Amino acid sequence: MLTRLRVQGFKNLLDVDLRFGPFNCVAGSNAAGKSNLFDAIRFLSLLTQYSIMESVRLLRETRGKAPNPRSLFTAFGDFRSSEMRFIADLVIDRAVQDEFGSPAKASISTLRYDVAFRLASDDGVERLELASESLLPVSQERARQDLGFPALTAFKDSVISGRRSAPFISTSGDSIPRIKVHQEGHGGRIFAAPKSSKTILGGTNSYDFPTILAAHREMESWRTLLLEPSAMRGPSHYTDPRFIDSRGANLPGAIERLRKQEHRKGEVYSELSNRLAELIEDIRELRVSDDERTETLTLEVTGRDGVRHPASSLSDGTLRFLVLAAMAIDAEAEGLICLEEPENGIHPERIPAMVRLLRDIATDPRFAVGTDNPLRQVIMNTHSPVVISCLDLDDLIYLDRQQVIQGSSTGNVALVRLPEKGWRAKISGSTAVLPLTLGQLNPYQRTLDGQILMPLSNR
């Protein structure tokens, strides 16, 4: 779980500091930095799976082209940030397995990860160079104070545990920084930061360093859902994974896995059908058809008229809703989910059902984390007045633009605004932010036809 993220020198995020709860919505004007925030989270996740430069390429989706790391730094006029830094506060699952299935247990569940990059050049080819990296424990007392969002004791007790005072990763030296992996029951290691092609956390996948491995697994689980209609409509082959991927593929296979794990016959189909009926009233049944001849699984929906409709004939909005509904009942679908404009393809009257679904995906901080309440987190962004009208004040983060001067250059960068009565604005020690006024929310108070919507409440 990502509870806090500070980003410096990345795209238009010159210096933003954000707190996150289980369910979060980021609003704001075009070019305010909403997608850049998602890119920052995705970049941290990519670094756990790929080299630094491959992560740059995948982030920019420059297929067949050389990655351009210079474009990631905040820049305007003659100004360009000399360093790009990400500071993330994490809550991790202490029980972890390495790539060979060997179990281990992290020393503590609350951590702060800090990683910075500089622009370097080798024979005229620019690359990102690892400048510093650290992974520090956060004490139980401090973690309980910093958690921020409203949560009952049962939840806090289930996610905050363990003790450790010494760092897990630290950096020393300025001109040639050296990164040390500290011992955790085993000997430590030292790396020359500029020569490393991967981050230390990203390259550590061994049970010898269980806390680093657990942080790796947590950040690896962060997903930005880029749901593609063709992927969601496709069947699942017998050899395909039984989990929904970031494109929405493998939906029939994931539903079939859930069906085989159900406690009562028919409960998975029934729950998904009931969810889908909130979006489309003319729904009687949902099922997965198994074709042994072609070794494929296909999703089918039956209307009240008895006509079966394969997934290939369903609308994009319906499929997006089904993907999220399946994730909501899947206890194994853990981690952070980022989703851009989930209301796309949904009729305005049905958008509240989508918001309720997303809220149900996120962990409920009133109860202990477990099989019935997996540790999941949702961060979405939106331009929709209807979505905004469905939110509580505690759900909302607003990104605005502000003009700044760096030397002789002037440019626009992201600025965080928060509802004054929300929990984020009340946390002591947070970086300076501006209040979110009714003036900023006015465009969200009316639909396109001029209808006035209910204002945000703090229910």
Protein backbone atom coordinates (compact mmCIF):
# COMPACT_ATOMS: atom_id res chain seq x y z
CA MET A 1 0.00 0.00 0.00
CA LEU A 2 1.29 3.44 -0.94
CA THR A 3 0.45 5.88 1.85
CA ARG A 4 2.57 8.86 0.76
CA LEU A 5 4.44 9.86 -2.38
CA ARG A 6 6.69 12.86 -2.88
CA VAL A 7 7.89 13.48 -6.43
CA GLN A 8 10.55 16.04 -7.33
CA GLY A 9 11.86 17.00 -10.76
CA PHE A 10 9.68 14.57 -12.76
CA LYS A 11 7.83 16.03 -15.75
CA ASN A 12 5.67 18.88 -14.45
CA LEU A 13 5.85 17.51 -10.88
CA LEU A 14 8.57 19.87 -9.70
CA ASP A 15 7.74 19.14 -6.06
CA VAL A 16 4.46 17.52 -5.05
CA ASP A 17 3.75 15.63 -1.85
CA LEU A 18 0.60 13.49 -1.71
CA ARG A 19 -1.01 11.27 0.90
CA PHE A 20 -3.14 8.33 -0.13
CA GLY A 21 -5.83 6.27 1.56
CA PRO A 22 -7.51 3.10 0.34
CA PHE A 23 -9.73 4.98 -2.16
CA ASN A 24 -8.53 8.15 -3.91
CA CYS A 25 -9.68 10.35 -6.78
CA VAL A 26 -7.45 12.92 -8.49
CA ALA A 27 -9.22 15.76 -10.29
CA GLY A 28 -7.96 18.88 -12.04
CA SER A 29 -7.71 20.65 -15.36
CA ASN A 30 -5.99 19.33 -18.46
CA ALA A 31 -2.17 19.36 -18.25
CA ALA A 32 -2.31 19.78 -14.46
CA GLY A 33 -0.29 16.59 -13.92
CA LYS A 34 -2.86 13.85 -13.26
CA SER A 35 -1.38 11.46 -15.84
CA ASN A 36 2.16 12.42 -14.79
CA LEU A 37 1.33 11.34 -11.24
CA PHE A 38 0.24 7.96 -12.59
CA ASP A 39 3.45 7.80 -14.63
CA ALA A 40 5.51 8.38 -11.48
CA ILE A 41 3.78 5.46 -9.74
CA ARG A 42 4.12 3.27 -12.82
CA PHE A 43 7.81 4.14 -13.17
CA LEU A 44 8.50 2.95 -9.61
CA SER A 45 6.70 -0.30 -10.40
CA LEU A 46 8.57 -0.80 -13.70
CA LEU A 47 11.89 -0.38 -11.89
CA THR A 48 11.16 -3.54 -9.89
CA GLN A 49 10.89 -5.55 -13.11
CA TYR A 50 13.28 -3.98 -15.61
CA SER A 51 16.54 -2.11 -15.90
CA ILE A 52 16.49 1.65 -15.43
CA MET A 53 16.66 2.46 -19.13
CA GLU A 54 14.19 -0.26 -20.12
CA SER A 55 11.79 1.23 -17.56
CA VAL A 56 12.21 4.61 -19.25
CA ARG A 57 11.41 3.05 -22.62
CA LEU A 58 8.35 1.21 -21.35
CA LEU A 59 7.07 4.26 -19.52
CA ARG A 60 7.24 6.36 -22.66
CA GLU A 61 6.03 3.45 -24.84
CA THR A 62 8.66 4.27 -27.45
CA ARG A 63 8.38 1.03 -29.38
CA GLY A 64 11.36 0.60 -31.70
CA LYS A 65 12.89 3.90 -30.58
CA ALA A 66 15.70 4.77 -28.21
CA PRO A 67 14.37 5.96 -24.81
CA ASN A 68 14.78 9.65 -24.10
CA PRO A 69 15.49 10.08 -20.37
CA ARG A 70 15.93 13.86 -20.71
CA SER A 71 12.19 14.22 -21.35
CA LEU A 72 11.39 12.87 -17.87
CA PHE A 73 12.95 15.81 -16.01
CA THR A 74 11.03 18.96 -15.15
CA ALA A 75 12.04 21.54 -17.77
CA PHE A 76 10.90 24.93 -19.05
CA GLY A 77 12.84 27.73 -20.72
CA ASP A 78 16.51 27.32 -19.79
CA PHE A 79 15.67 25.41 -16.61
CA ARG A 80 15.91 21.64 -16.22
CA SER A 81 15.92 19.79 -12.90
CA SER A 82 19.34 18.40 -12.10
CA GLU A 83 17.81 15.46 -10.24
CA MET A 84 14.64 13.39 -10.27
CA ARG A 85 13.57 11.98 -6.90
CA PHE A 86 10.77 9.72 -5.62
CA ILE A 87 10.03 9.22 -1.91
CA ALA A 88 7.39 6.61 -1.12
CA ASP A 89 5.96 5.50 2.22
CA LEU A 90 4.86 1.88 2.03
CA VAL A 91 2.85 -0.65 3.98
CA ILE A 92 3.98 -4.13 2.91
CA ASP A 93 2.92 -7.71 3.48
CA ARG A 94 5.67 -9.19 5.65
CA ALA A 95 5.11 -12.74 4.37
CA VAL A 96 6.97 -13.07 1.08
CA GLN A 97 8.46 -15.64 -1.30
CA ASP A 98 11.45 -15.32 -3.58
CA GLU A 99 11.45 -16.30 -7.25
CA PHE A 100 12.13 -19.94 -6.31
CA GLY A 101 9.21 -20.10 -3.87
CA SER A 102 11.36 -19.96 -0.73
CA PRO A 103 9.38 -18.26 2.06
CA ALA A 104 10.72 -15.42 4.20
CA LYS A 105 9.42 -12.76 6.57
CA ALA A 106 10.20 -9.07 6.47
CA SER A 107 11.43 -7.44 9.68
CA ILE A 108 8.86 -4.64 9.62
CA SER A 109 5.77 -3.75 7.57
CA THR A 110 6.18 0.05 7.33
CA LEU A 111 8.96 1.50 5.18
CA ARG A 112 10.15 4.63 3.40
CA TYR A 113 11.78 4.19 -0.01
CA ASP A 114 13.82 7.05 -1.50
CA VAL A 115 15.41 6.86 -4.96
CA ALA A 116 16.98 9.59 -7.11
CA PHE A 117 18.36 9.76 -10.66
CA ARG A 118 20.59 12.11 -12.62
CA LEU A 119 21.10 12.51 -16.35
CA ALA A 120 24.42 11.06 -17.54
CA SER A 121 26.01 10.58 -20.94
CA ASP A 122 28.12 7.72 -22.31
CA ASP A 123 29.75 8.50 -25.67
CA GLY A 124 27.02 11.04 -26.40
CA VAL A 125 24.17 8.67 -25.47
CA GLU A 126 22.13 9.96 -22.56
CA ARG A 127 20.93 7.66 -19.81
CA LEU A 128 19.48 7.80 -16.33
CA GLU A 129 22.08 7.31 -13.63
CA LEU A 130 21.19 6.09 -10.15
CA ALA A 131 22.22 8.92 -7.80
CA SER A 132 21.02 7.59 -4.45
CA GLU A 133 18.73 4.98 -2.95
CA SER A 134 17.56 4.15 0.54
CA LEU A 135 15.03 1.92 2.26
CA LEU A 136 14.38 2.85 5.87
CA PRO A 137 12.12 1.36 8.54
CA VAL A 138 9.30 3.45 9.93
CA SER A 139 8.59 2.70 13.59
CA GLN A 140 5.17 1.47 14.64
CA GLU A 141 4.51 4.63 16.63
CA ARG A 142 5.44 6.89 13.71
CA ALA A 143 3.53 4.73 11.23
CA ARG A 144 0.32 4.96 13.27
CA GLN A 145 0.68 8.75 13.42
CA ASP A 146 1.47 9.10 9.71
CA LEU A 147 -1.17 6.72 8.36
CA GLY A 148 -3.45 9.73 8.14
CA PHE A 149 -6.69 8.35 6.72
CA PRO A 150 -9.46 7.34 9.15
CA ALA A 151 -8.87 3.74 10.21
CA LEU A 152 -9.93 1.66 13.19
CA THR A 153 -7.54 -0.14 15.51
CA ALA A 154 -8.28 -3.56 13.99
CA PHE A 155 -7.04 -2.34 10.59
CA LYS A 156 -3.94 -0.66 11.99
CA ASP A 157 -3.03 -3.70 14.08
CA SER A 158 -3.29 -5.91 11.00
CA VAL A 159 -0.99 -3.82 8.78
CA ILE A 160 1.51 -2.24 11.21
CA SER A 161 3.89 -4.72 12.80
CA GLY A 162 7.55 -5.62 13.29
CA ARG A 163 10.55 -3.70 14.57
CA ARG A 164 13.81 -2.48 13.07
CA SER A 165 15.96 0.60 13.65
CA ALA A 166 18.80 0.17 11.15
CA PRO A 167 18.36 0.96 7.42
CA PHE A 168 17.95 -1.77 4.82
CA ILE A 169 19.51 0.27 1.99
CA SER A 170 21.55 3.46 2.36
CA THR A 171 23.75 5.72 0.20
CA SER A 172 27.02 7.43 1.11
CA GLY A 173 29.35 9.69 -0.85
CA ASP A 174 28.57 12.58 -3.19
CA SER A 175 30.81 12.57 -6.25
CA ILE A 176 30.76 8.76 -6.52
CA PRO A 177 27.82 7.56 -4.41
CA ARG A 178 28.01 4.07 -3.01
CA ILE A 179 24.89 2.16 -2.07
CA LYS A 180 24.99 -0.32 0.79
CA VAL A 181 22.56 -3.17 1.32
CA HIS A 182 22.63 -3.76 5.06
CA GLN A 183 22.61 -7.19 6.58
CA GLU A 184 19.37 -8.80 7.65
CA GLY A 185 20.57 -12.03 9.11
CA HIS A 186 23.15 -12.24 6.32
CA GLY A 187 26.12 -10.22 5.12
CA GLY A 188 25.56 -6.89 3.40
CA ARG A 189 26.74 -5.71 -0.03
CA ILE A 190 28.04 -2.43 -1.48
CA PHE A 191 27.38 -1.14 -5.00
CA ALA A 192 28.71 1.79 -7.00
CA ALA A 193 25.50 3.69 -7.80
CA PRO A 194 26.50 5.24 -11.17
CA LYS A 195 27.45 1.84 -12.57
CA SER A 196 24.23 0.10 -11.60
CA SER A 197 21.86 -0.69 -14.49
CA LYS A 198 19.03 -1.40 -12.02
CA THR A 199 17.90 0.04 -8.73
CA ILE A 200 19.03 -2.01 -5.74
CA LEU A 201 15.46 -2.71 -4.66
CA GLY A 202 14.56 -3.68 -8.22
CA GLY A 203 17.51 -6.05 -8.48
CA THR A 204 16.97 -7.76 -5.13
CA ASN A 205 14.87 -10.89 -5.42
CA SER A 206 16.35 -13.11 -2.73
CA TYR A 207 15.04 -14.32 0.59
CA ASP A 208 18.46 -13.36 2.06
CA PHE A 209 17.08 -9.81 2.24
CA PRO A 210 13.40 -10.44 3.05
CA THR A 211 12.34 -6.84 3.79
CA ILE A 212 13.84 -5.51 0.57
CA LEU A 213 12.19 -8.41 -1.25
CA ALA A 214 8.83 -7.61 0.36
CA ALA A 215 9.12 -3.94 -0.69
CA HIS A 216 10.02 -5.18 -4.19
CA ARG A 217 6.92 -7.38 -4.29
CA GLU A 218 4.69 -4.54 -3.07
CA MET A 219 5.83 -2.08 -5.75
CA GLU A 220 5.81 -4.81 -8.38
CA SER A 221 2.09 -5.31 -7.67
CA TRP A 222 1.21 -1.69 -8.53
CA ARG A 223 -0.76 -1.63 -11.76
CA THR A 224 -2.00 1.07 -14.07
CA LEU A 225 -5.02 -0.42 -15.80
CA LEU A 226 -4.95 0.44 -19.50
CA LEU A 227 -8.02 -1.57 -20.44
CA GLU A 228 -8.15 -2.42 -24.13
CA PRO A 229 -11.46 -3.48 -25.73
CA SER A 230 -9.84 -6.21 -27.83
CA ALA A 231 -8.13 -7.71 -24.79
CA MET A 232 -11.29 -7.64 -22.65
CA ARG A 233 -13.38 -9.22 -25.42
CA GLY A 234 -10.97 -12.05 -26.14
CA PRO A 235 -11.42 -15.62 -24.88
CA SER A 236 -9.00 -17.26 -22.47
CA HIS A 237 -7.00 -20.24 -23.70
CA TYR A 238 -6.32 -23.13 -21.38
CA THR A 239 -2.64 -22.15 -21.24
CA ASP A 240 -3.30 -18.47 -20.41
CA PRO A 241 -2.78 -17.11 -16.89
CA ARG A 242 -5.84 -17.19 -14.68
CA PHE A 243 -5.46 -13.57 -13.61
CA ILE A 244 -6.65 -10.40 -15.29
CA ASP A 245 -3.74 -8.37 -16.66
CA SER A 246 -3.39 -4.60 -16.99
CA ARG A 247 -5.10 -4.64 -20.41
CA GLY A 248 -8.14 -6.54 -19.09
CA ALA A 249 -7.17 -9.79 -20.81
CA ASN A 250 -7.87 -13.24 -19.29
CA LEU A 251 -11.24 -12.19 -17.84
CA PRO A 252 -12.95 -15.56 -18.60
CA GLY A 253 -10.02 -17.49 -17.13
CA ALA A 254 -9.99 -15.37 -13.96
CA ILE A 255 -13.74 -15.87 -13.48
CA GLU A 256 -13.34 -19.62 -13.98
CA ARG A 257 -10.58 -19.73 -11.34
CA LEU A 258 -12.82 -17.86 -8.90
CA ARG A 259 -15.70 -20.22 -9.67
CA LYS A 260 -13.58 -23.27 -8.84
CA GLN A 261 -12.63 -21.67 -5.50
CA GLU A 262 -16.16 -20.68 -4.49
CA HIS A 263 -17.65 -21.95 -1.21
CA ARG A 264 -21.19 -22.24 -2.52
CA LYS A 265 -22.06 -23.38 -6.02
CA GLY A 266 -23.04 -20.51 -8.27
CA GLU A 267 -22.02 -17.68 -5.91
CA VAL A 268 -19.41 -16.19 -8.28
CA TYR A 269 -21.75 -16.06 -11.27
CA SER A 270 -24.53 -14.71 -9.03
CA GLU A 271 -22.39 -11.95 -7.54
CA LEU A 272 -21.06 -10.84 -10.92
CA SER A 273 -24.56 -10.91 -12.43
CA ASN A 274 -25.92 -8.81 -9.58
CA ARG A 275 -23.10 -6.32 -10.00
CA LEU A 276 -23.64 -6.12 -13.74
CA ALA A 277 -27.37 -5.59 -13.20
CA GLU A 278 -26.48 -2.29 -11.48
CA LEU A 279 -25.14 -1.17 -14.85
CA ILE A 280 -27.55 -2.96 -17.21
CA GLU A 281 -30.97 -3.86 -15.85
CA ASP A 282 -31.70 -6.38 -18.61
CA ILE A 283 -29.33 -9.04 -17.19
CA ARG A 284 -30.42 -12.48 -16.05
CA GLU A 285 -27.28 -14.58 -16.04
CA LEU A 286 -23.51 -14.53 -16.56
CA ARG A 287 -21.41 -17.61 -17.25
CA VAL A 288 -18.15 -18.83 -18.76
CA SER A 289 -18.52 -21.25 -21.67
CA ASP A 290 -15.86 -23.98 -21.87
CA ASP A 291 -15.09 -25.19 -25.42
CA GLU A 292 -12.91 -28.31 -25.09
CA ARG A 293 -12.52 -28.55 -28.86
CA THR A 294 -10.72 -25.21 -29.16
CA GLU A 295 -9.49 -25.26 -25.53
CA THR A 296 -10.90 -21.83 -24.86
CA LEU A 297 -13.06 -20.16 -22.22
CA THR A 298 -15.54 -17.49 -23.37
CA LEU A 299 -17.59 -15.09 -21.29
CA GLU A 300 -21.33 -14.97 -22.04
CA VAL A 301 -24.12 -12.77 -20.68
CA THR A 302 -27.79 -13.77 -20.93
CA GLY A 303 -30.52 -11.12 -21.01
CA ARG A 304 -34.01 -11.39 -19.62
CA ASP A 305 -35.19 -12.39 -23.07
CA GLY A 306 -33.03 -15.52 -22.85
CA VAL A 307 -30.65 -14.41 -25.60
CA ARG A 308 -26.97 -15.11 -24.91
CA HIS A 309 -24.44 -12.43 -25.77
CA PRO A 310 -20.72 -13.29 -26.00
CA ALA A 311 -18.18 -10.84 -24.65
CA SER A 312 -17.34 -9.83 -28.21
CA SER A 313 -20.76 -8.16 -28.51
CA LEU A 314 -20.67 -6.25 -25.21
CA SER A 315 -19.91 -2.53 -25.05
CA ASP A 316 -16.54 -1.20 -23.88
CA GLY A 317 -18.13 0.29 -20.76
CA THR A 318 -19.82 -3.00 -19.84
CA LEU A 319 -16.56 -4.90 -20.21
CA ARG A 320 -14.65 -2.35 -18.10
CA PHE A 321 -17.29 -2.75 -15.41
CA LEU A 322 -17.03 -6.55 -15.55
CA VAL A 323 -13.24 -6.52 -15.29
CA LEU A 324 -13.44 -4.37 -12.17
CA ALA A 325 -16.30 -6.45 -10.73
CA ALA A 326 -14.19 -9.61 -11.10
CA MET A 327 -11.24 -7.91 -9.40
CA ALA A 328 -13.50 -6.80 -6.54
CA ILE A 329 -14.34 -10.40 -5.56
CA ASP A 330 -10.82 -11.76 -6.14
CA ALA A 331 -8.98 -11.94 -2.82
CA GLU A 332 -5.75 -12.66 -4.70
CA ALA A 333 -5.96 -9.40 -6.68
CA GLU A 334 -3.99 -7.29 -4.22
CA GLY A 335 -1.93 -4.12 -4.53
CA LEU A 336 -2.43 -0.66 -5.94
CA ILE A 337 -4.65 -0.06 -8.96
CA CYS A 338 -4.39 3.18 -10.94
CA LEU A 339 -7.23 3.86 -13.35
CA GLU A 340 -7.70 6.85 -15.64
CA GLU A 341 -11.24 8.14 -16.18
CA PRO A 342 -13.15 4.94 -15.27
CA GLU A 343 -16.41 6.62 -16.25
CA ASN A 344 -15.54 6.37 -19.96
CA GLY A 345 -18.22 4.44 -21.81
CA ILE A 346 -20.63 4.54 -18.84
CA HIS A 347 -23.98 6.33 -19.04
CA PRO A 348 -24.10 9.22 -16.50
CA GLU A 349 -26.98 7.56 -14.64
CA ARG A 350 -24.81 4.49 -14.05
CA ILE A 351 -21.60 6.26 -13.02
CA PRO A 352 -22.51 6.07 -9.29
CA ALA A 353 -22.54 2.26 -9.66
CA MET A 354 -19.01 2.43 -11.08
CA VAL A 355 -17.81 4.60 -8.19
CA ARG A 356 -19.38 2.21 -5.65
CA LEU A 357 -17.63 -0.69 -7.35
CA LEU A 358 -14.25 1.02 -7.22
CA ARG A 359 -14.78 1.88 -3.57
CA ASP A 360 -15.61 -1.78 -2.87
CA ILE A 361 -12.38 -2.88 -4.54
CA ALA A 362 -10.35 -0.84 -2.03
CA THR A 363 -9.67 -2.26 1.41
CA ASP A 364 -12.08 -1.22 4.15
CA PRO A 365 -10.08 0.51 6.94
CA ARG A 366 -12.78 -0.31 9.49
CA PHE A 367 -11.74 -3.97 9.53
CA ALA A 368 -8.58 -6.05 9.77
CA VAL A 369 -6.92 -7.02 6.51
CA GLY A 370 -7.57 -10.62 5.52
CA THR A 371 -9.16 -12.88 2.92
CA ASP A 372 -12.46 -11.01 3.15
CA ASN A 373 -10.72 -7.62 3.18
CA PRO A 374 -7.57 -7.83 1.03
CA LEU A 375 -5.06 -4.97 1.18
CA ARG A 376 -6.03 -3.17 -2.02
CA GLN A 377 -5.86 0.47 -3.00
CA VAL A 378 -7.49 2.48 -5.80
CA ILE A 379 -6.24 5.75 -7.26
CA MET A 380 -8.33 7.08 -10.14
CA ASN A 381 -8.50 10.36 -11.98
CA THR A 382 -11.48 12.01 -13.59
CA HIS A 383 -12.94 15.00 -15.43
CA SER A 384 -16.52 13.93 -14.70
CA PRO A 385 -18.85 16.13 -12.62
CA VAL A 386 -20.93 13.04 -11.88
CA VAL A 387 -17.93 11.18 -10.44
CA ILE A 388 -17.03 14.20 -8.31
CA SER A 389 -20.61 14.36 -6.99
CA CYS A 390 -20.29 10.75 -5.78
CA LEU A 391 -17.20 11.44 -3.68
CA ASP A 392 -16.57 12.33 -0.07
CA LEU A 393 -14.16 15.16 0.73
CA ASP A 394 -11.77 12.54 2.10
CA ASP A 395 -11.54 10.92 -1.34
CA LEU A 396 -10.41 13.97 -3.30
CA ILE A 397 -7.03 15.30 -4.41
CA TYR A 398 -7.02 18.29 -6.77
CA LEU A 399 -4.08 19.11 -9.03
CA ASP A 400 -3.85 22.68 -10.23
CA ARG A 401 -1.19 24.56 -12.17
CA GLN A 402 1.00 27.31 -10.79
CA GLN A 403 3.58 29.55 -12.40
CA VAL A 404 7.08 29.36 -10.92
CA ILE A 405 10.36 31.12 -11.60
CA GLN A 406 13.64 29.22 -11.71
CA GLY A 407 16.57 31.53 -12.47
CA SER A 408 15.61 33.48 -15.58
CA SER A 409 12.96 30.97 -16.67
CA THR A 410 9.23 30.93 -15.96
CA GLY A 411 7.04 27.87 -16.33
CA ASN A 412 3.94 26.05 -15.13
CA VAL A 413 4.18 23.13 -12.72
CA ALA A 414 1.72 21.04 -10.70
CA LEU A 415 0.25 22.38 -7.48
CA VAL A 416 -1.70 20.32 -4.94
CA ARG A 417 -4.97 21.65 -3.55
CA LEU A 418 -6.84 19.82 -0.79
CA PRO A 419 -10.30 20.20 0.76
CA GLU A 420 -9.74 22.01 4.05
CA LYS A 421 -11.96 19.62 6.00
CA GLY A 422 -10.40 16.45 4.53
CA TRP A 423 -7.95 14.28 6.46
CA ARG A 424 -5.04 15.09 4.12
CA ALA A 425 -5.15 18.80 4.96
CA LYS A 426 -5.22 18.05 8.68
CA ILE A 427 -2.05 15.96 8.82
CA SER A 428 0.76 17.83 10.55
CA GLY A 429 4.10 17.89 8.79
CA SER A 430 2.74 17.68 5.25
CA THR A 431 4.32 20.02 2.72
CA ALA A 432 2.56 23.32 2.08
CA VAL A 433 -0.53 22.99 -0.10
CA LEU A 434 -3.30 25.40 -0.98
CA PRO A 435 -6.93 24.88 0.03
CA LEU A 436 -9.41 23.67 -2.55
CA THR A 437 -12.05 26.38 -2.85
CA LEU A 438 -15.54 26.33 -4.29
CA GLY A 439 -14.16 28.32 -7.22
CA GLN A 440 -12.03 25.37 -8.31
CA LEU A 441 -15.00 23.00 -7.92
CA ASN A 442 -17.56 25.15 -9.74
CA PRO A 443 -16.96 23.46 -13.14
CA TYR A 444 -17.74 20.11 -11.49
CA GLN A 445 -21.03 21.24 -9.95
CA ARG A 446 -22.99 21.20 -13.21
CA THR A 447 -23.52 18.58 -15.87
CA LEU A 448 -23.29 19.45 -19.55
CA ASP A 449 -27.01 20.20 -19.68
CA GLY A 450 -26.73 22.67 -16.79
CA GLN A 451 -28.19 20.45 -14.08
CA ILE A 452 -26.80 21.29 -10.65
CA LEU A 453 -25.25 18.30 -8.89
CA MET A 454 -25.02 17.65 -5.19
CA PRO A 455 -21.81 19.12 -3.74
CA LEU A 456 -19.07 17.08 -2.17
CA SER A 457 -19.84 15.92 1.33
CA ASN A 458 -17.76 14.53 4.13
CA ARG A 459 -19.98 11.60 4.99
